[in-house]
Amino acid sequence: MALNFSEDYILENRRVKLIPLRINHIKNLIEISKDESIWIYFFEHGKDLGSLTTYVESAIENRKLGREYPFAIYDKRTGKYAGSTRFYDYSQDINTIKLGHTWLGKDFQGTGLNKNVKYLLFKFAFEKLKVERIGFGAYSDNLRSIAAMKSVGCKTEGFLRHMFPSINGIGRTDAILMSILKYEWEESVKNKLKTKLI
C-alpha cells in the first residue's frame, strides 16, 4: 500500500504508542522540550512554547502537503509523552522513504524506548508500505545519534561534505548518510532488533 498522508496511522506495541502529531500534543511535550541539549543538531527547535508551536504547526502543515508524516511518541511504561519522530521524503515511484527529526526528552533517552519506536516504524515501512529502503542522515559529529542509528541496524553509506553549518558557528560540518534495505530487514535486522526491545 502507499503512504496515505490523510490517514491516521497508530503504531504500537507493549512499550510505546506512535500517534499522528496534533496541535494538542504541544501541552504534552512542552516541559520535556525545554531542554536545550535536545535541539543542538536541529535547524528548528521547540525549547519554548512559541518555537514548539511553530515546530508542531510546520510538521502538521507538511503532512497536509504530503511531505512529512509526524508522530508524537507516547511511552506506555511511564504514561507520558516522550518526544516526536517522522517519516519524510516518501517516494512511491522509487519505493523509498526517510526517517528522522527524532527527539526524546532526556529522561527517555537510553531507556530502550527509541529501539521500540524504530522497530514499529521499520515494520510499518517495510511490511506495510513495502519500501525498498529507509534513509537517515545526521551531522557527522552527532556521535550519539550515529550510535543510536547503528544500534538499530543502520549502515553507513557515505558523507555529504560541508553539508551543514557547524553548530559552533565556525566553518562547515559533513553529513553522514545511513540506511537500512528491505532485504537486510528481512534477513537479520528485524530479528536482531526484536531481541533488544525492553
N, C-alpha and C. Protein backbone atom coordinates (compact mmCIF):
# COMPACT_ATOMS: atom_id res chain seq x y z
N MET A 1 0.84 -1.19 0.00
CA MET A 1 0.00 0.00 0.00
C MET A 1 0.88 1.25 0.00
N ALA A 2 0.33 2.34 -0.49
CA ALA A 2 1.04 3.61 -0.49
C ALA A 2 0.78 4.34 0.82
N LEU A 3 1.72 5.19 1.22
CA LEU A 3 1.53 6.01 2.40
C LEU A 3 0.44 7.04 2.12
N ASN A 4 -0.62 7.00 2.92
CA ASN A 4 -1.74 7.91 2.78
C ASN A 4 -1.62 8.99 3.86
N PHE A 5 -1.24 10.18 3.46
CA PHE A 5 -0.98 11.24 4.42
C PHE A 5 -2.25 11.71 5.15
N SER A 6 -3.41 11.41 4.61
CA SER A 6 -4.65 11.81 5.26
C SER A 6 -5.18 10.76 6.24
N GLU A 7 -4.55 9.59 6.25
CA GLU A 7 -4.98 8.53 7.16
C GLU A 7 -4.23 8.63 8.49
N ASP A 8 -4.93 8.37 9.57
CA ASP A 8 -4.30 8.40 10.90
C ASP A 8 -3.78 7.01 11.25
N TYR A 9 -2.48 6.83 11.10
CA TYR A 9 -1.83 5.57 11.45
C TYR A 9 -1.42 5.62 12.91
N ILE A 10 -1.81 4.61 13.66
CA ILE A 10 -1.37 4.48 15.05
C ILE A 10 -0.57 3.18 15.15
N LEU A 11 0.68 3.31 15.54
CA LEU A 11 1.59 2.17 15.63
C LEU A 11 1.91 1.95 17.10
N GLU A 12 1.80 0.72 17.56
CA GLU A 12 2.08 0.49 18.98
C GLU A 12 2.47 -0.94 19.27
N ASN A 13 3.21 -1.08 20.37
CA ASN A 13 3.49 -2.38 20.97
C ASN A 13 3.30 -2.22 22.47
N ARG A 14 3.81 -3.13 23.25
CA ARG A 14 3.56 -3.06 24.69
C ARG A 14 4.30 -1.90 25.36
N ARG A 15 5.31 -1.33 24.69
CA ARG A 15 6.12 -0.28 25.30
C ARG A 15 5.77 1.13 24.83
N VAL A 16 5.41 1.26 23.55
CA VAL A 16 5.27 2.61 23.00
C VAL A 16 4.08 2.69 22.06
N LYS A 17 3.54 3.88 21.95
CA LYS A 17 2.46 4.16 21.02
C LYS A 17 2.83 5.39 20.21
N LEU A 18 2.78 5.27 18.89
CA LEU A 18 3.07 6.38 17.99
C LEU A 18 1.76 6.89 17.43
N ILE A 19 1.50 8.17 17.68
CA ILE A 19 0.22 8.79 17.36
C ILE A 19 0.47 9.96 16.42
N PRO A 20 -0.31 10.10 15.35
CA PRO A 20 -0.12 11.26 14.47
C PRO A 20 -0.07 12.57 15.26
N LEU A 21 0.97 13.35 15.01
CA LEU A 21 1.19 14.59 15.76
C LEU A 21 0.05 15.57 15.55
N ARG A 22 -0.46 16.13 16.65
CA ARG A 22 -1.55 17.10 16.64
C ARG A 22 -1.16 18.34 17.43
N ILE A 23 -1.89 19.42 17.20
CA ILE A 23 -1.65 20.65 17.95
C ILE A 23 -1.78 20.41 19.45
N ASN A 24 -2.74 19.57 19.85
CA ASN A 24 -2.94 19.36 21.29
C ASN A 24 -1.80 18.62 21.96
N HIS A 25 -0.85 18.07 21.17
CA HIS A 25 0.31 17.42 21.77
C HIS A 25 1.31 18.43 22.34
N ILE A 26 1.17 19.69 21.96
CA ILE A 26 2.09 20.70 22.47
C ILE A 26 2.09 20.72 23.99
N LYS A 27 0.93 20.65 24.58
CA LYS A 27 0.84 20.70 26.05
C LYS A 27 1.48 19.47 26.69
N ASN A 28 1.54 18.36 25.96
CA ASN A 28 2.15 17.14 26.48
C ASN A 28 3.67 17.14 26.33
N LEU A 29 4.18 17.94 25.39
CA LEU A 29 5.61 17.92 25.06
C LEU A 29 6.39 19.12 25.58
N ILE A 30 5.69 20.17 25.97
CA ILE A 30 6.37 21.44 26.26
C ILE A 30 7.39 21.33 27.38
N GLU A 31 7.09 20.60 28.44
CA GLU A 31 8.04 20.54 29.56
C GLU A 31 9.34 19.84 29.18
N ILE A 32 9.24 18.70 28.51
CA ILE A 32 10.47 17.98 28.14
C ILE A 32 11.22 18.68 27.02
N SER A 33 10.51 19.45 26.19
CA SER A 33 11.17 20.10 25.05
C SER A 33 12.00 21.31 25.46
N LYS A 34 11.86 21.76 26.70
CA LYS A 34 12.61 22.94 27.16
C LYS A 34 14.09 22.68 27.35
N ASP A 35 14.49 21.42 27.32
CA ASP A 35 15.90 21.05 27.46
C ASP A 35 16.64 21.41 26.17
N GLU A 36 17.47 22.43 26.23
CA GLU A 36 18.14 22.93 25.02
C GLU A 36 19.08 21.91 24.39
N SER A 37 19.58 20.95 25.18
CA SER A 37 20.52 19.97 24.64
C SER A 37 19.86 19.09 23.58
N ILE A 38 18.54 18.96 23.63
CA ILE A 38 17.81 18.17 22.62
C ILE A 38 18.01 18.74 21.23
N TRP A 39 18.10 20.06 21.14
CA TRP A 39 17.97 20.75 19.85
C TRP A 39 19.30 21.16 19.23
N ILE A 40 20.41 20.72 19.80
CA ILE A 40 21.73 21.15 19.32
C ILE A 40 21.91 20.90 17.83
N TYR A 41 21.46 19.74 17.35
CA TYR A 41 21.68 19.37 15.95
C TYR A 41 20.43 19.54 15.08
N PHE A 42 19.52 20.38 15.51
CA PHE A 42 18.31 20.67 14.74
C PHE A 42 18.39 22.08 14.18
N PHE A 43 17.87 22.27 12.96
CA PHE A 43 17.74 23.62 12.42
C PHE A 43 16.57 24.34 13.07
N GLU A 44 15.51 23.58 13.38
CA GLU A 44 14.38 24.13 14.10
C GLU A 44 14.48 23.66 15.54
N HIS A 45 13.69 24.23 16.40
CA HIS A 45 13.73 23.76 17.79
C HIS A 45 12.38 24.02 18.45
N GLY A 46 12.21 23.45 19.64
CA GLY A 46 10.97 23.62 20.38
C GLY A 46 11.21 23.87 21.85
N LYS A 47 12.21 24.69 22.15
CA LYS A 47 12.64 24.85 23.55
C LYS A 47 11.83 25.86 24.34
N ASP A 48 10.81 26.44 23.71
CA ASP A 48 9.86 27.28 24.43
C ASP A 48 8.51 27.14 23.73
N LEU A 49 7.47 27.68 24.32
CA LEU A 49 6.12 27.47 23.79
C LEU A 49 5.98 28.00 22.37
N GLY A 50 6.52 29.16 22.10
CA GLY A 50 6.40 29.74 20.77
C GLY A 50 7.07 28.89 19.70
N SER A 51 8.31 28.48 19.97
CA SER A 51 9.04 27.70 18.97
C SER A 51 8.48 26.28 18.83
N LEU A 52 8.03 25.69 19.94
CA LEU A 52 7.43 24.36 19.84
C LEU A 52 6.12 24.41 19.05
N THR A 53 5.35 25.48 19.25
CA THR A 53 4.11 25.64 18.49
C THR A 53 4.42 25.75 17.00
N THR A 54 5.42 26.54 16.65
CA THR A 54 5.83 26.67 15.25
C THR A 54 6.31 25.34 14.69
N TYR A 55 7.08 24.61 15.50
CA TYR A 55 7.62 23.31 15.10
C TYR A 55 6.49 22.33 14.78
N VAL A 56 5.51 22.24 15.68
CA VAL A 56 4.40 21.31 15.51
C VAL A 56 3.50 21.75 14.35
N GLU A 57 3.20 23.03 14.26
CA GLU A 57 2.36 23.53 13.17
C GLU A 57 3.01 23.28 11.82
N SER A 58 4.32 23.46 11.73
CA SER A 58 5.04 23.21 10.48
C SER A 58 4.98 21.74 10.09
N ALA A 59 5.17 20.85 11.07
CA ALA A 59 5.11 19.41 10.80
C ALA A 59 3.72 19.00 10.32
N ILE A 60 2.70 19.55 10.94
CA ILE A 60 1.33 19.23 10.55
C ILE A 60 1.02 19.76 9.16
N GLU A 61 1.49 20.96 8.85
CA GLU A 61 1.28 21.53 7.52
C GLU A 61 1.99 20.70 6.46
N ASN A 62 3.20 20.24 6.78
CA ASN A 62 3.94 19.42 5.82
C ASN A 62 3.26 18.06 5.60
N ARG A 63 2.57 17.57 6.61
CA ARG A 63 1.77 16.36 6.42
C ARG A 63 0.64 16.64 5.43
N LYS A 64 -0.04 17.76 5.59
CA LYS A 64 -1.13 18.12 4.67
C LYS A 64 -0.63 18.23 3.24
N LEU A 65 0.62 18.67 3.09
CA LEU A 65 1.22 18.84 1.77
C LEU A 65 1.84 17.55 1.23
N GLY A 66 1.79 16.48 2.02
CA GLY A 66 2.34 15.20 1.59
C GLY A 66 3.85 15.13 1.62
N ARG A 67 4.46 15.96 2.47
CA ARG A 67 5.93 15.99 2.55
C ARG A 67 6.47 15.19 3.73
N GLU A 68 5.72 15.17 4.82
CA GLU A 68 6.18 14.51 6.05
C GLU A 68 4.99 13.85 6.75
N TYR A 69 5.30 12.85 7.56
CA TYR A 69 4.25 12.24 8.39
C TYR A 69 4.79 12.16 9.82
N PRO A 70 4.43 13.15 10.65
CA PRO A 70 4.99 13.22 12.01
C PRO A 70 4.15 12.45 13.04
N PHE A 71 4.85 11.92 14.03
CA PHE A 71 4.22 11.21 15.14
C PHE A 71 4.64 11.83 16.47
N ALA A 72 3.73 11.79 17.43
CA ALA A 72 4.07 12.00 18.84
C ALA A 72 4.38 10.63 19.43
N ILE A 73 5.38 10.57 20.31
CA ILE A 73 5.81 9.31 20.93
C ILE A 73 5.28 9.25 22.36
N TYR A 74 4.48 8.23 22.64
CA TYR A 74 3.90 8.06 23.98
C TYR A 74 4.50 6.81 24.63
N ASP A 75 5.15 7.00 25.76
CA ASP A 75 5.80 5.91 26.49
C ASP A 75 4.78 5.26 27.43
N LYS A 76 4.38 4.05 27.10
CA LYS A 76 3.37 3.37 27.92
C LYS A 76 3.88 3.03 29.32
N ARG A 77 5.17 2.83 29.44
CA ARG A 77 5.74 2.45 30.74
C ARG A 77 5.58 3.57 31.77
N THR A 78 5.80 4.80 31.34
CA THR A 78 5.70 5.93 32.26
C THR A 78 4.35 6.65 32.17
N GLY A 79 3.60 6.36 31.10
CA GLY A 79 2.34 7.06 30.91
C GLY A 79 2.53 8.51 30.51
N LYS A 80 3.65 8.81 29.82
CA LYS A 80 3.96 10.18 29.44
C LYS A 80 4.38 10.25 27.98
N TYR A 81 4.17 11.43 27.39
CA TYR A 81 4.69 11.68 26.05
C TYR A 81 6.19 11.92 26.14
N ALA A 82 6.92 11.33 25.19
CA ALA A 82 8.38 11.30 25.29
C ALA A 82 9.09 12.11 24.22
N GLY A 83 8.41 12.47 23.13
CA GLY A 83 9.07 13.19 22.06
C GLY A 83 8.32 13.07 20.76
N SER A 84 9.07 13.11 19.66
CA SER A 84 8.44 13.10 18.34
C SER A 84 9.40 12.50 17.31
N THR A 85 8.84 12.04 16.20
CA THR A 85 9.62 11.49 15.09
C THR A 85 8.78 11.62 13.84
N ARG A 86 9.38 11.40 12.68
CA ARG A 86 8.57 11.48 11.46
C ARG A 86 9.20 10.78 10.27
N PHE A 87 8.33 10.35 9.35
CA PHE A 87 8.74 9.93 8.02
C PHE A 87 8.79 11.17 7.14
N TYR A 88 9.67 11.16 6.13
CA TYR A 88 9.71 12.25 5.16
C TYR A 88 10.34 11.77 3.87
N ASP A 89 10.27 12.60 2.85
CA ASP A 89 10.82 12.27 1.52
C ASP A 89 10.33 10.91 1.01
N TYR A 90 9.06 10.65 1.15
CA TYR A 90 8.49 9.40 0.66
C TYR A 90 8.31 9.47 -0.84
N SER A 91 8.73 8.41 -1.53
CA SER A 91 8.51 8.31 -2.97
C SER A 91 7.93 6.95 -3.30
N GLN A 92 6.69 6.94 -3.74
CA GLN A 92 6.08 5.69 -4.17
C GLN A 92 6.68 5.23 -5.49
N ASP A 93 7.13 6.19 -6.30
CA ASP A 93 7.69 5.84 -7.61
C ASP A 93 8.95 5.00 -7.49
N ILE A 94 9.85 5.39 -6.58
CA ILE A 94 11.09 4.62 -6.44
C ILE A 94 11.11 3.80 -5.15
N ASN A 95 9.99 3.86 -4.41
CA ASN A 95 9.78 2.97 -3.26
C ASN A 95 10.79 3.19 -2.14
N THR A 96 10.95 4.43 -1.76
CA THR A 96 11.88 4.77 -0.67
C THR A 96 11.23 5.76 0.29
N ILE A 97 11.81 5.84 1.47
CA ILE A 97 11.34 6.78 2.48
C ILE A 97 12.51 7.14 3.38
N LYS A 98 12.42 8.27 4.06
CA LYS A 98 13.43 8.64 5.04
C LYS A 98 12.76 8.76 6.41
N LEU A 99 13.58 8.62 7.43
CA LEU A 99 13.10 8.68 8.81
C LEU A 99 14.02 9.59 9.60
N GLY A 100 13.44 10.52 10.34
CA GLY A 100 14.28 11.43 11.11
C GLY A 100 13.47 12.42 11.92
N HIS A 101 14.10 13.56 12.21
CA HIS A 101 13.50 14.59 13.07
C HIS A 101 13.10 13.97 14.42
N THR A 102 13.87 12.99 14.85
CA THR A 102 13.52 12.27 16.07
C THR A 102 14.17 12.93 17.28
N TRP A 103 13.36 13.18 18.30
CA TRP A 103 13.91 13.68 19.56
C TRP A 103 13.12 13.08 20.72
N LEU A 104 13.85 12.85 21.80
CA LEU A 104 13.27 12.32 23.03
C LEU A 104 13.71 13.19 24.20
N GLY A 105 12.82 13.37 25.16
CA GLY A 105 13.19 14.04 26.39
C GLY A 105 14.30 13.29 27.09
N LYS A 106 15.11 14.00 27.84
CA LYS A 106 16.29 13.41 28.46
C LYS A 106 15.99 12.17 29.29
N ASP A 107 14.88 12.18 30.03
CA ASP A 107 14.54 11.05 30.88
C ASP A 107 14.19 9.78 30.10
N PHE A 108 13.94 9.94 28.80
CA PHE A 108 13.55 8.79 27.98
C PHE A 108 14.71 8.27 27.14
N GLN A 109 15.81 9.01 27.14
CA GLN A 109 16.98 8.59 26.36
C GLN A 109 17.70 7.45 27.07
N GLY A 110 18.15 6.48 26.30
CA GLY A 110 18.89 5.36 26.86
C GLY A 110 18.04 4.37 27.64
N THR A 111 16.72 4.43 27.45
CA THR A 111 15.81 3.53 28.19
C THR A 111 15.32 2.36 27.34
N GLY A 112 15.71 2.33 26.08
CA GLY A 112 15.21 1.31 25.17
C GLY A 112 13.98 1.77 24.39
N LEU A 113 13.48 2.95 24.72
CA LEU A 113 12.28 3.45 24.04
C LEU A 113 12.54 3.67 22.55
N ASN A 114 13.67 4.27 22.22
CA ASN A 114 13.97 4.55 20.81
C ASN A 114 14.00 3.29 19.97
N LYS A 115 14.52 2.19 20.50
CA LYS A 115 14.55 0.94 19.74
C LYS A 115 13.13 0.45 19.44
N ASN A 116 12.23 0.61 20.39
CA ASN A 116 10.84 0.24 20.15
C ASN A 116 10.20 1.13 19.09
N VAL A 117 10.50 2.42 19.15
CA VAL A 117 9.99 3.35 18.14
C VAL A 117 10.47 2.94 16.75
N LYS A 118 11.76 2.70 16.63
CA LYS A 118 12.32 2.35 15.33
C LYS A 118 11.78 1.02 14.83
N TYR A 119 11.61 0.05 15.72
CA TYR A 119 11.08 -1.25 15.31
C TYR A 119 9.70 -1.08 14.68
N LEU A 120 8.83 -0.31 15.31
CA LEU A 120 7.48 -0.11 14.79
C LEU A 120 7.50 0.63 13.45
N LEU A 121 8.36 1.64 13.33
CA LEU A 121 8.44 2.40 12.08
C LEU A 121 9.04 1.56 10.95
N PHE A 122 10.07 0.79 11.26
CA PHE A 122 10.68 -0.08 10.24
C PHE A 122 9.66 -1.12 9.77
N LYS A 123 8.97 -1.73 10.71
CA LYS A 123 7.99 -2.77 10.38
C LYS A 123 6.89 -2.18 9.48
N PHE A 124 6.42 -1.01 9.82
CA PHE A 124 5.39 -0.35 9.01
C PHE A 124 5.91 -0.04 7.61
N ALA A 125 7.10 0.54 7.53
CA ALA A 125 7.65 0.95 6.24
C ALA A 125 7.96 -0.24 5.33
N PHE A 126 8.59 -1.25 5.89
CA PHE A 126 8.99 -2.40 5.07
C PHE A 126 7.85 -3.38 4.80
N GLU A 127 6.98 -3.58 5.78
CA GLU A 127 5.97 -4.63 5.65
C GLU A 127 4.60 -4.12 5.21
N LYS A 128 4.30 -2.87 5.46
CA LYS A 128 3.02 -2.30 5.01
C LYS A 128 3.20 -1.46 3.74
N LEU A 129 4.14 -0.52 3.80
CA LEU A 129 4.38 0.33 2.63
C LEU A 129 5.19 -0.39 1.56
N LYS A 130 5.90 -1.44 1.97
CA LYS A 130 6.73 -2.24 1.06
C LYS A 130 7.85 -1.43 0.41
N VAL A 131 8.41 -0.48 1.18
CA VAL A 131 9.53 0.29 0.63
C VAL A 131 10.77 -0.59 0.52
N GLU A 132 11.68 -0.19 -0.33
CA GLU A 132 12.92 -0.94 -0.53
C GLU A 132 14.05 -0.43 0.35
N ARG A 133 13.94 0.80 0.81
CA ARG A 133 14.98 1.35 1.67
C ARG A 133 14.44 2.47 2.54
N ILE A 134 15.04 2.58 3.72
CA ILE A 134 14.78 3.70 4.62
C ILE A 134 16.10 4.44 4.77
N GLY A 135 16.08 5.73 4.50
CA GLY A 135 17.29 6.53 4.60
C GLY A 135 17.31 7.38 5.86
N PHE A 136 18.53 7.70 6.31
CA PHE A 136 18.75 8.50 7.50
C PHE A 136 19.91 9.45 7.25
N GLY A 137 19.93 10.55 7.98
CA GLY A 137 21.05 11.47 7.89
C GLY A 137 21.28 12.16 9.22
N ALA A 138 22.51 12.62 9.44
CA ALA A 138 22.83 13.31 10.69
C ALA A 138 24.11 14.11 10.50
N TYR A 139 24.32 15.06 11.39
CA TYR A 139 25.62 15.71 11.47
C TYR A 139 26.68 14.63 11.73
N SER A 140 27.80 14.71 11.07
CA SER A 140 28.83 13.70 11.25
C SER A 140 29.45 13.73 12.64
N ASP A 141 29.28 14.84 13.36
CA ASP A 141 29.82 14.90 14.72
C ASP A 141 28.74 14.65 15.79
N ASN A 142 27.54 14.25 15.35
CA ASN A 142 26.48 13.90 16.28
C ASN A 142 26.63 12.43 16.65
N LEU A 143 27.62 12.15 17.47
CA LEU A 143 28.00 10.77 17.75
C LEU A 143 26.90 9.98 18.45
N ARG A 144 26.12 10.65 19.28
CA ARG A 144 25.02 9.96 19.97
C ARG A 144 23.98 9.45 18.97
N SER A 145 23.61 10.30 18.04
CA SER A 145 22.63 9.91 17.03
C SER A 145 23.16 8.81 16.12
N ILE A 146 24.42 8.92 15.74
CA ILE A 146 25.02 7.91 14.87
C ILE A 146 25.06 6.56 15.58
N ALA A 147 25.44 6.56 16.85
CA ALA A 147 25.47 5.32 17.62
C ALA A 147 24.07 4.71 17.73
N ALA A 148 23.07 5.57 17.92
CA ALA A 148 21.69 5.09 18.02
C ALA A 148 21.24 4.46 16.71
N MET A 149 21.61 5.07 15.59
CA MET A 149 21.23 4.52 14.29
C MET A 149 21.91 3.18 14.04
N LYS A 150 23.18 3.09 14.38
CA LYS A 150 23.90 1.82 14.20
C LYS A 150 23.31 0.73 15.08
N SER A 151 22.85 1.11 16.28
CA SER A 151 22.33 0.12 17.22
C SER A 151 21.02 -0.51 16.76
N VAL A 152 20.33 0.15 15.82
CA VAL A 152 19.08 -0.42 15.31
C VAL A 152 19.27 -1.01 13.91
N GLY A 153 20.50 -1.10 13.45
CA GLY A 153 20.78 -1.81 12.21
C GLY A 153 21.13 -0.98 11.01
N CYS A 154 21.29 0.33 11.17
CA CYS A 154 21.64 1.19 10.02
C CYS A 154 23.08 0.98 9.60
N LYS A 155 23.32 1.10 8.30
CA LYS A 155 24.66 1.00 7.75
C LYS A 155 25.06 2.34 7.12
N THR A 156 26.32 2.68 7.28
CA THR A 156 26.83 3.93 6.71
C THR A 156 26.98 3.79 5.20
N GLU A 157 26.50 4.82 4.49
CA GLU A 157 26.61 4.83 3.04
C GLU A 157 27.68 5.80 2.55
N GLY A 158 27.83 6.90 3.27
CA GLY A 158 28.80 7.89 2.84
C GLY A 158 28.58 9.22 3.53
N PHE A 159 29.17 10.26 2.97
CA PHE A 159 29.11 11.59 3.58
C PHE A 159 28.81 12.64 2.52
N LEU A 160 28.11 13.66 2.94
CA LEU A 160 27.95 14.86 2.13
C LEU A 160 28.87 15.91 2.74
N ARG A 161 29.91 16.28 2.04
CA ARG A 161 30.92 17.15 2.60
C ARG A 161 30.40 18.58 2.77
N HIS A 162 30.72 19.16 3.93
CA HIS A 162 30.34 20.55 4.23
C HIS A 162 28.85 20.81 4.03
N MET A 163 28.04 19.86 4.41
CA MET A 163 26.60 19.97 4.18
C MET A 163 25.93 21.00 5.10
N PHE A 164 26.37 21.05 6.36
CA PHE A 164 25.71 21.89 7.36
C PHE A 164 26.66 22.95 7.92
N PRO A 165 26.11 24.08 8.36
CA PRO A 165 26.92 24.99 9.16
C PRO A 165 27.29 24.30 10.48
N SER A 166 28.50 24.46 10.94
CA SER A 166 28.92 23.85 12.20
C SER A 166 28.08 24.41 13.34
N ILE A 167 27.84 23.59 14.35
CA ILE A 167 26.98 24.04 15.45
C ILE A 167 27.65 25.13 16.29
N ASN A 168 28.98 25.22 16.22
CA ASN A 168 29.67 26.29 16.96
C ASN A 168 29.76 27.59 16.15
N GLY A 169 29.18 27.56 14.94
CA GLY A 169 29.14 28.76 14.12
C GLY A 169 30.40 29.03 13.32
N ILE A 170 31.37 28.12 13.41
CA ILE A 170 32.65 28.29 12.71
C ILE A 170 32.78 27.20 11.65
N GLY A 171 32.79 27.60 10.39
CA GLY A 171 33.00 26.65 9.32
C GLY A 171 31.79 25.77 9.03
N ARG A 172 32.06 24.62 8.43
CA ARG A 172 31.02 23.71 7.97
C ARG A 172 31.27 22.31 8.53
N THR A 173 30.22 21.47 8.51
CA THR A 173 30.29 20.10 9.02
C THR A 173 29.70 19.16 7.98
N ASP A 174 30.28 17.97 7.88
CA ASP A 174 29.76 16.96 6.96
C ASP A 174 28.47 16.34 7.49
N ALA A 175 27.67 15.81 6.58
CA ALA A 175 26.52 14.99 6.95
C ALA A 175 26.86 13.53 6.70
N ILE A 176 26.46 12.66 7.60
CA ILE A 176 26.62 11.23 7.39
C ILE A 176 25.31 10.67 6.88
N LEU A 177 25.38 9.81 5.88
CA LEU A 177 24.20 9.17 5.31
C LEU A 177 24.19 7.70 5.69
N MET A 178 23.03 7.20 6.13
CA MET A 178 22.89 5.81 6.55
C MET A 178 21.59 5.26 5.99
N SER A 179 21.46 3.94 6.02
CA SER A 179 20.23 3.34 5.51
C SER A 179 20.06 1.92 6.03
N ILE A 180 18.84 1.43 5.85
CA ILE A 180 18.51 0.01 6.01
C ILE A 180 17.73 -0.38 4.76
N LEU A 181 18.08 -1.53 4.19
CA LEU A 181 17.41 -2.03 3.00
C LEU A 181 16.40 -3.11 3.37
N LYS A 182 15.42 -3.31 2.52
CA LYS A 182 14.35 -4.26 2.81
C LYS A 182 14.89 -5.66 3.06
N TYR A 183 15.82 -6.12 2.23
CA TYR A 183 16.33 -7.48 2.41
C TYR A 183 17.14 -7.61 3.70
N GLU A 184 17.77 -6.51 4.14
CA GLU A 184 18.50 -6.53 5.41
C GLU A 184 17.53 -6.67 6.58
N TRP A 185 16.41 -5.96 6.47
CA TRP A 185 15.36 -6.07 7.49
C TRP A 185 14.85 -7.51 7.58
N GLU A 186 14.58 -8.08 6.43
CA GLU A 186 14.02 -9.44 6.40
C GLU A 186 15.02 -10.49 6.84
N GLU A 187 16.28 -10.33 6.46
CA GLU A 187 17.28 -11.36 6.74
C GLU A 187 17.84 -11.31 8.15
N SER A 188 17.98 -10.11 8.73
CA SER A 188 18.64 -10.05 10.03
C SER A 188 18.21 -8.91 10.95
N VAL A 189 17.99 -7.73 10.40
CA VAL A 189 17.77 -6.56 11.24
C VAL A 189 16.53 -6.72 12.11
N LYS A 190 15.45 -7.22 11.54
CA LYS A 190 14.20 -7.38 12.29
C LYS A 190 14.39 -8.24 13.53
N ASN A 191 14.96 -9.41 13.34
CA ASN A 191 15.13 -10.34 14.48
C ASN A 191 16.13 -9.82 15.50
N LYS A 192 17.21 -9.22 15.04
CA LYS A 192 18.21 -8.67 15.97
C LYS A 192 17.62 -7.52 16.78
N LEU A 193 16.89 -6.65 16.12
CA LEU A 193 16.30 -5.52 16.83
C LEU A 193 15.22 -5.99 17.81
N LYS A 194 14.48 -6.99 17.41
CA LYS A 194 13.41 -7.51 18.28
C LYS A 194 13.96 -8.02 19.59
N THR A 195 15.15 -8.62 19.56
CA THR A 195 15.75 -9.15 20.80
C THR A 195 16.21 -8.04 21.72
N LYS A 196 16.32 -6.81 21.21
CA LYS A 196 16.79 -5.68 22.03
C LYS A 196 15.65 -4.90 22.65
N LEU A 197 14.42 -5.23 22.32
CA LEU A 197 13.28 -4.47 22.83
C LEU A 197 13.04 -4.74 24.29
N ILE A 198 12.93 -3.67 25.08
CA ILE A 198 12.66 -3.81 26.51
C ILE A 198 11.52 -2.87 26.91
